[in-house]
Amino acid sequence: MNPHFVSLVMGLTAQASSALEGALPPGVPTEGVSPRDLARTMIDTLAMLQEKTEGRLEPEEARLLADALTGLRFRFVQPGQAGA
């Protein structure tokens, strides 16, 4: 697996997870943006990455990205997640 790809996916996943928990890292501009909106943006970014790299990833990379998206999407629709 390409370590840069893994780092990108894991970083976006961590940001989305933090937003879903309502714990945004310091320095994140939040004026007018809810944690839920920020999580949605990170999830949408991962989905776009999946779409744009379809058929060009190693099987492990594709699985990492798919698993990250599945987990985040599931958490996003659960009641009680960051203003849901």
C-alpha atoms as a PDB file:
ATOM      1  CA  MET A   1       0.000   0.000   0.000  1.00  0.00           C
ATOM      2  CA  ASN A   2       1.145   3.489  -0.717  1.00  0.00           C
ATOM      3  CA  PRO A   3       1.831   5.136   2.658  1.00  0.00           C
ATOM      4  CA  HIS A   4       0.805   8.563   1.333  1.00  0.00           C
ATOM      5  CA  PHE A   5      -2.575   7.224   0.259  1.00  0.00           C
ATOM      6  CA  VAL A   6      -3.061   5.515   3.620  1.00  0.00           C
ATOM      7  CA  SER A   7      -2.118   8.737   5.414  1.00  0.00           C
ATOM      8  CA  LEU A   8      -4.596  10.750   3.338  1.00  0.00           C
ATOM      9  CA  VAL A   9      -7.474   8.333   3.942  1.00  0.00           C
ATOM     10  CA  MET A  10      -6.715   7.959   7.638  1.00  0.00           C
ATOM     11  CA  GLY A  11      -6.337  11.723   8.100  1.00  0.00           C
ATOM     12  CA  LEU A  12      -9.678  12.514   6.468  1.00  0.00           C
ATOM     13  CA  THR A  13     -11.300   9.683   8.407  1.00  0.00           C
ATOM     14  CA  ALA A  14      -9.927  11.014  11.697  1.00  0.00           C
ATOM     15  CA  GLN A  15     -11.184  14.523  10.920  1.00  0.00           C
ATOM     16  CA  ALA A  16     -14.647  13.218  10.073  1.00  0.00           C
ATOM     17  CA  SER A  17     -14.706  11.080  13.223  1.00  0.00           C
ATOM     18  CA  SER A  18     -13.707  14.043  15.370  1.00  0.00           C
ATOM     19  CA  ALA A  19     -16.415  16.162  13.804  1.00  0.00           C
ATOM     20  CA  LEU A  20     -19.018  13.435  14.390  1.00  0.00           C
ATOM     21  CA  GLU A  21     -17.978  13.383  18.043  1.00  0.00           C
ATOM     22  CA  GLY A  22     -18.236  17.170  18.194  1.00  0.00           C
ATOM     23  CA  ALA A  23     -14.538  17.443  19.043  1.00  0.00           C
ATOM     24  CA  LEU A  24     -12.992  19.665  16.415  1.00  0.00           C
ATOM     25  CA  PRO A  25      -9.234  20.178  16.481  1.00  0.00           C
ATOM     26  CA  PRO A  26      -7.861  23.601  17.407  1.00  0.00           C
ATOM     27  CA  GLY A  27      -7.558  25.999  14.525  1.00  0.00           C
ATOM     28  CA  VAL A  28     -10.466  24.597  12.526  1.00  0.00           C
ATOM     29  CA  PRO A  29     -12.593  27.538  11.409  1.00  0.00           C
ATOM     30  CA  THR A  30     -16.086  26.760  12.685  1.00  0.00           C
ATOM     31  CA  GLU A  31     -17.912  30.036  12.146  1.00  0.00           C
ATOM     32  CA  GLY A  32     -21.154  29.139  10.400  1.00  0.00           C
ATOM     33  CA  VAL A  33     -20.147  25.472  10.012  1.00  0.00           C
ATOM     34  CA  SER A  34     -21.555  22.799  12.277  1.00  0.00           C
ATOM     35  CA  PRO A  35     -19.513  19.717  13.192  1.00  0.00           C
ATOM     36  CA  ARG A  36     -22.043  17.663  11.231  1.00  0.00           C
ATOM     37  CA  ASP A  37     -21.467  19.799   8.118  1.00  0.00           C
ATOM     38  CA  LEU A  38     -17.719  19.384   8.500  1.00  0.00           C
ATOM     39  CA  ALA A  39     -18.133  15.602   8.848  1.00  0.00           C
ATOM     40  CA  ARG A  40     -20.302  15.548   5.720  1.00  0.00           C
ATOM     41  CA  THR A  41     -17.598  17.445   3.823  1.00  0.00           C
ATOM     42  CA  MET A  42     -14.915  14.949   4.856  1.00  0.00           C
ATOM     43  CA  ILE A  43     -17.170  11.998   3.937  1.00  0.00           C
ATOM     44  CA  ASP A  44     -17.962  13.588   0.575  1.00  0.00           C
ATOM     45  CA  THR A  45     -14.238  14.148  -0.031  1.00  0.00           C
ATOM     46  CA  LEU A  46     -13.492  10.484   0.658  1.00  0.00           C
ATOM     47  CA  ALA A  47     -16.359   9.463  -1.642  1.00  0.00           C
ATOM     48  CA  MET A  48     -14.965  11.671  -4.401  1.00  0.00           C
ATOM     49  CA  LEU A  49     -11.529  10.113  -3.879  1.00  0.00           C
ATOM     50  CA  GLN A  50     -13.084   6.659  -4.190  1.00  0.00           C
ATOM     51  CA  GLU A  51     -14.875   7.621  -7.385  1.00  0.00           C
ATOM     52  CA  LYS A  52     -11.828   9.222  -8.991  1.00  0.00           C
ATOM     53  CA  THR A  53      -9.497   6.322  -8.156  1.00  0.00           C
ATOM     54  CA  GLU A  54     -11.879   3.479  -9.026  1.00  0.00           C
ATOM     55  CA  GLY A  55     -10.016   0.685 -10.770  1.00  0.00           C
ATOM     56  CA  ARG A  56      -6.598   2.211 -10.054  1.00  0.00           C
ATOM     57  CA  LEU A  57      -6.036   1.205  -6.435  1.00  0.00           C
ATOM     58  CA  GLU A  58      -4.401  -1.868  -5.005  1.00  0.00           C
ATOM     59  CA  PRO A  59      -7.023  -4.178  -3.450  1.00  0.00           C
ATOM     60  CA  GLU A  60      -5.869  -3.246   0.079  1.00  0.00           C
ATOM     61  CA  GLU A  61      -6.135   0.464  -0.694  1.00  0.00           C
ATOM     62  CA  ALA A  62      -9.615   0.065  -2.170  1.00  0.00           C
ATOM     63  CA  ARG A  63     -10.690  -1.933   0.893  1.00  0.00           C
ATOM     64  CA  LEU A  64      -9.250   0.685   3.284  1.00  0.00           C
ATOM     65  CA  LEU A  65     -11.160   3.456   1.532  1.00  0.00           C
ATOM     66  CA  ALA A  66     -14.400   1.467   1.277  1.00  0.00           C
ATOM     67  CA  ASP A  67     -14.241   0.427   4.939  1.00  0.00           C
ATOM     68  CA  ALA A  68     -13.550   4.001   6.059  1.00  0.00           C
ATOM     69  CA  LEU A  69     -16.500   5.308   4.064  1.00  0.00           C
ATOM     70  CA  THR A  70     -18.859   2.586   5.244  1.00  0.00           C
ATOM     71  CA  GLY A  71     -18.005   3.210   8.888  1.00  0.00           C
ATOM     72  CA  LEU A  72     -18.312   6.985   8.606  1.00  0.00           C
ATOM     73  CA  ARG A  73     -21.571   6.856   6.681  1.00  0.00           C
ATOM     74  CA  PHE A  74     -23.048   4.489   9.237  1.00  0.00           C
ATOM     75  CA  ARG A  75     -22.038   6.787  12.101  1.00  0.00           C
ATOM     76  CA  PHE A  76     -23.308   9.845  10.222  1.00  0.00           C
ATOM     77  CA  VAL A  77     -26.863   8.503   9.997  1.00  0.00           C
ATOM     78  CA  GLN A  78     -26.985   7.296  13.622  1.00  0.00           C
ATOM     79  CA  PRO A  79     -29.150   9.358  15.975  1.00  0.00           C
ATOM     80  CA  GLY A  80     -27.215  11.533  18.385  1.00  0.00           C
ATOM     81  CA  GLN A  81     -24.202  12.103  16.124  1.00  0.00           C
ATOM     82  CA  ALA A  82     -23.108  15.751  16.153  1.00  0.00           C
ATOM     83  CA  GLY A  83     -26.468  17.429  16.031  1.00  0.00           C
ATOM     84  CA  ALA A  84     -28.353  14.687  14.231  1.00  0.00           C
END
